[in-house]
Amino acid sequence: MEESRLAELATKEDILRLERDIEIVRKEIEAAKGDTIKWTAGMFAAQTALIVGAMFAVMRINQSAPLPPLPVVQEMRMPAPLQPAPHAPGQGVPVPAR
């Protein structure tokens, strides 16, 4: 039983090997961070260029085809509403006749 316990314990060699593996993984993570930042910046630049290019294409399409003249429309206005006749001060409000 004691031999199985001793077999489960890590040796100094095991610890050194793990420290080397941890250092390798850290370097890979740092490289992945750099690549992620590069890809993010690249995609941002590509999307911006795509949007600007689409804007110029739409502006060029709109400039190439002149708009047809608008039809002449006669303006129609309603007559002004009737205003009640002003009353003299002190006489009260006039009552309309029926």
C-alpha atoms as a PDB file:
ATOM      1  CA  MET A   1       0.000   0.000   0.000  1.00  0.00           C
ATOM      2  CA  GLU A   2       2.823   2.352   0.836  1.00  0.00           C
ATOM      3  CA  GLU A   3       4.469   1.585  -2.497  1.00  0.00           C
ATOM      4  CA  SER A   4       1.321   2.665  -4.367  1.00  0.00           C
ATOM      5  CA  ARG A   5       1.324   5.967  -2.426  1.00  0.00           C
ATOM      6  CA  LEU A   6       4.948   6.602  -3.316  1.00  0.00           C
ATOM      7  CA  ALA A   7       4.230   5.821  -6.971  1.00  0.00           C
ATOM      8  CA  GLU A   8       1.543   8.558  -6.986  1.00  0.00           C
ATOM      9  CA  LEU A   9       3.953  11.264  -5.767  1.00  0.00           C
ATOM     10  CA  ALA A  10       5.605  13.486  -8.347  1.00  0.00           C
ATOM     11  CA  THR A  11       9.354  13.559  -8.700  1.00  0.00           C
ATOM     12  CA  LYS A  12      11.471  16.656  -9.346  1.00  0.00           C
ATOM     13  CA  GLU A  13      11.776  15.534 -12.943  1.00  0.00           C
ATOM     14  CA  ASP A  14       7.968  15.494 -13.282  1.00  0.00           C
ATOM     15  CA  ILE A  15       7.756  19.019 -11.838  1.00  0.00           C
ATOM     16  CA  LEU A  16      10.433  20.366 -14.213  1.00  0.00           C
ATOM     17  CA  ARG A  17       8.694  18.752 -17.187  1.00  0.00           C
ATOM     18  CA  LEU A  18       5.397  20.367 -16.156  1.00  0.00           C
ATOM     19  CA  GLU A  19       7.040  23.785 -15.764  1.00  0.00           C
ATOM     20  CA  ARG A  20       8.489  23.479 -19.305  1.00  0.00           C
ATOM     21  CA  ASP A  21       5.069  22.486 -20.656  1.00  0.00           C
ATOM     22  CA  ILE A  22       3.444  25.443 -18.874  1.00  0.00           C
ATOM     23  CA  GLU A  23       5.996  27.829 -20.368  1.00  0.00           C
ATOM     24  CA  ILE A  24       5.358  26.429 -23.862  1.00  0.00           C
ATOM     25  CA  VAL A  25       1.596  26.868 -23.409  1.00  0.00           C
ATOM     26  CA  ARG A  26       2.100  30.473 -22.220  1.00  0.00           C
ATOM     27  CA  LYS A  27       4.124  31.274 -25.341  1.00  0.00           C
ATOM     28  CA  GLU A  28       1.441  29.737 -27.544  1.00  0.00           C
ATOM     29  CA  ILE A  29      -1.249  31.793 -25.779  1.00  0.00           C
ATOM     30  CA  GLU A  30       0.744  35.007 -26.298  1.00  0.00           C
ATOM     31  CA  ALA A  31       1.157  34.173 -29.983  1.00  0.00           C
ATOM     32  CA  ALA A  32      -2.570  33.449 -30.269  1.00  0.00           C
ATOM     33  CA  LYS A  33      -3.387  36.805 -28.627  1.00  0.00           C
ATOM     34  CA  GLY A  34      -1.218  38.609 -31.155  1.00  0.00           C
ATOM     35  CA  ASP A  35      -2.825  36.753 -34.055  1.00  0.00           C
ATOM     36  CA  THR A  36      -6.302  37.521 -32.708  1.00  0.00           C
ATOM     37  CA  ILE A  37      -5.505  41.229 -32.472  1.00  0.00           C
ATOM     38  CA  LYS A  38      -4.060  41.207 -36.022  1.00  0.00           C
ATOM     39  CA  TRP A  39      -7.147  39.453 -37.414  1.00  0.00           C
ATOM     40  CA  THR A  40      -9.501  41.783 -35.561  1.00  0.00           C
ATOM     41  CA  ALA A  41      -7.731  44.887 -36.858  1.00  0.00           C
ATOM     42  CA  GLY A  42      -7.596  43.419 -40.367  1.00  0.00           C
ATOM     43  CA  MET A  43     -11.309  42.608 -40.393  1.00  0.00           C
ATOM     44  CA  PHE A  44     -12.139  46.090 -39.096  1.00  0.00           C
ATOM     45  CA  ALA A  45     -10.100  47.652 -41.907  1.00  0.00           C
ATOM     46  CA  ALA A  46     -11.690  45.340 -44.501  1.00  0.00           C
ATOM     47  CA  GLN A  47     -15.236  46.136 -43.332  1.00  0.00           C
ATOM     48  CA  THR A  48     -14.506  49.863 -43.351  1.00  0.00           C
ATOM     49  CA  ALA A  49     -13.116  49.641 -46.890  1.00  0.00           C
ATOM     50  CA  LEU A  50     -16.157  47.631 -47.990  1.00  0.00           C
ATOM     51  CA  ILE A  51     -18.586  50.194 -46.552  1.00  0.00           C
ATOM     52  CA  VAL A  52     -16.728  53.140 -48.099  1.00  0.00           C
ATOM     53  CA  GLY A  53     -16.557  51.330 -51.449  1.00  0.00           C
ATOM     54  CA  ALA A  54     -20.289  50.600 -51.344  1.00  0.00           C
ATOM     55  CA  MET A  55     -21.012  54.254 -50.559  1.00  0.00           C
ATOM     56  CA  PHE A  56     -18.962  55.413 -53.559  1.00  0.00           C
ATOM     57  CA  ALA A  57     -20.652  52.836 -55.794  1.00  0.00           C
ATOM     58  CA  VAL A  58     -24.110  54.021 -54.743  1.00  0.00           C
ATOM     59  CA  MET A  59     -23.116  57.653 -55.260  1.00  0.00           C
ATOM     60  CA  ARG A  60     -21.757  56.829 -58.729  1.00  0.00           C
ATOM     61  CA  ILE A  61     -24.949  54.965 -59.674  1.00  0.00           C
ATOM     62  CA  ASN A  62     -27.080  57.899 -58.511  1.00  0.00           C
ATOM     63  CA  GLN A  63     -24.997  60.390 -60.496  1.00  0.00           C
ATOM     64  CA  SER A  64     -25.069  58.461 -63.761  1.00  0.00           C
ATOM     65  CA  ALA A  65     -28.858  58.407 -64.155  1.00  0.00           C
ATOM     66  CA  PRO A  66     -30.537  61.833 -64.132  1.00  0.00           C
ATOM     67  CA  LEU A  67     -33.882  62.020 -62.419  1.00  0.00           C
ATOM     68  CA  PRO A  68     -36.950  62.568 -64.618  1.00  0.00           C
ATOM     69  CA  PRO A  69     -38.630  65.961 -64.236  1.00  0.00           C
ATOM     70  CA  LEU A  70     -41.312  66.114 -61.600  1.00  0.00           C
ATOM     71  CA  PRO A  71     -44.897  66.539 -62.861  1.00  0.00           C
ATOM     72  CA  VAL A  72     -46.414  69.975 -62.421  1.00  0.00           C
ATOM     73  CA  VAL A  73     -49.013  69.895 -59.703  1.00  0.00           C
ATOM     74  CA  GLN A  74     -51.492  72.705 -59.133  1.00  0.00           C
ATOM     75  CA  GLU A  75     -51.572  73.851 -55.555  1.00  0.00           C
ATOM     76  CA  MET A  76     -54.985  73.765 -53.972  1.00  0.00           C
ATOM     77  CA  ARG A  77     -55.650  75.682 -50.783  1.00  0.00           C
ATOM     78  CA  MET A  78     -58.687  75.724 -48.598  1.00  0.00           C
ATOM     79  CA  PRO A  79     -60.288  79.130 -47.931  1.00  0.00           C
ATOM     80  CA  ALA A  80     -59.425  80.725 -44.612  1.00  0.00           C
ATOM     81  CA  PRO A  81     -61.862  79.850 -41.804  1.00  0.00           C
ATOM     82  CA  LEU A  82     -64.454  82.495 -40.978  1.00  0.00           C
ATOM     83  CA  GLN A  83     -63.492  84.712 -38.065  1.00  0.00           C
ATOM     84  CA  PRO A  84     -66.217  85.832 -35.619  1.00  0.00           C
ATOM     85  CA  ALA A  85     -66.898  89.557 -35.672  1.00  0.00           C
ATOM     86  CA  PRO A  86     -65.252  91.407 -32.811  1.00  0.00           C
ATOM     87  CA  HIS A  87     -67.660  92.725 -30.203  1.00  0.00           C
ATOM     88  CA  ALA A  88     -67.517  95.987 -28.340  1.00  0.00           C
ATOM     89  CA  PRO A  89     -66.064  95.841 -24.841  1.00  0.00           C
ATOM     90  CA  GLY A  90     -68.593  95.700 -22.065  1.00  0.00           C
ATOM     91  CA  GLN A  91     -71.453  94.321 -24.188  1.00  0.00           C
ATOM     92  CA  GLY A  92     -70.863  90.651 -23.479  1.00  0.00           C
ATOM     93  CA  VAL A  93     -70.410  87.908 -26.030  1.00  0.00           C
ATOM     94  CA  PRO A  94     -72.807  88.099 -29.031  1.00  0.00           C
ATOM     95  CA  VAL A  95     -75.175  85.166 -29.406  1.00  0.00           C
ATOM     96  CA  PRO A  96     -75.776  83.971 -32.973  1.00  0.00           C
ATOM     97  CA  ALA A  97     -79.386  84.234 -34.185  1.00  0.00           C
ATOM     98  CA  ARG A  98     -81.243  81.097 -35.098  1.00  0.00           C
END
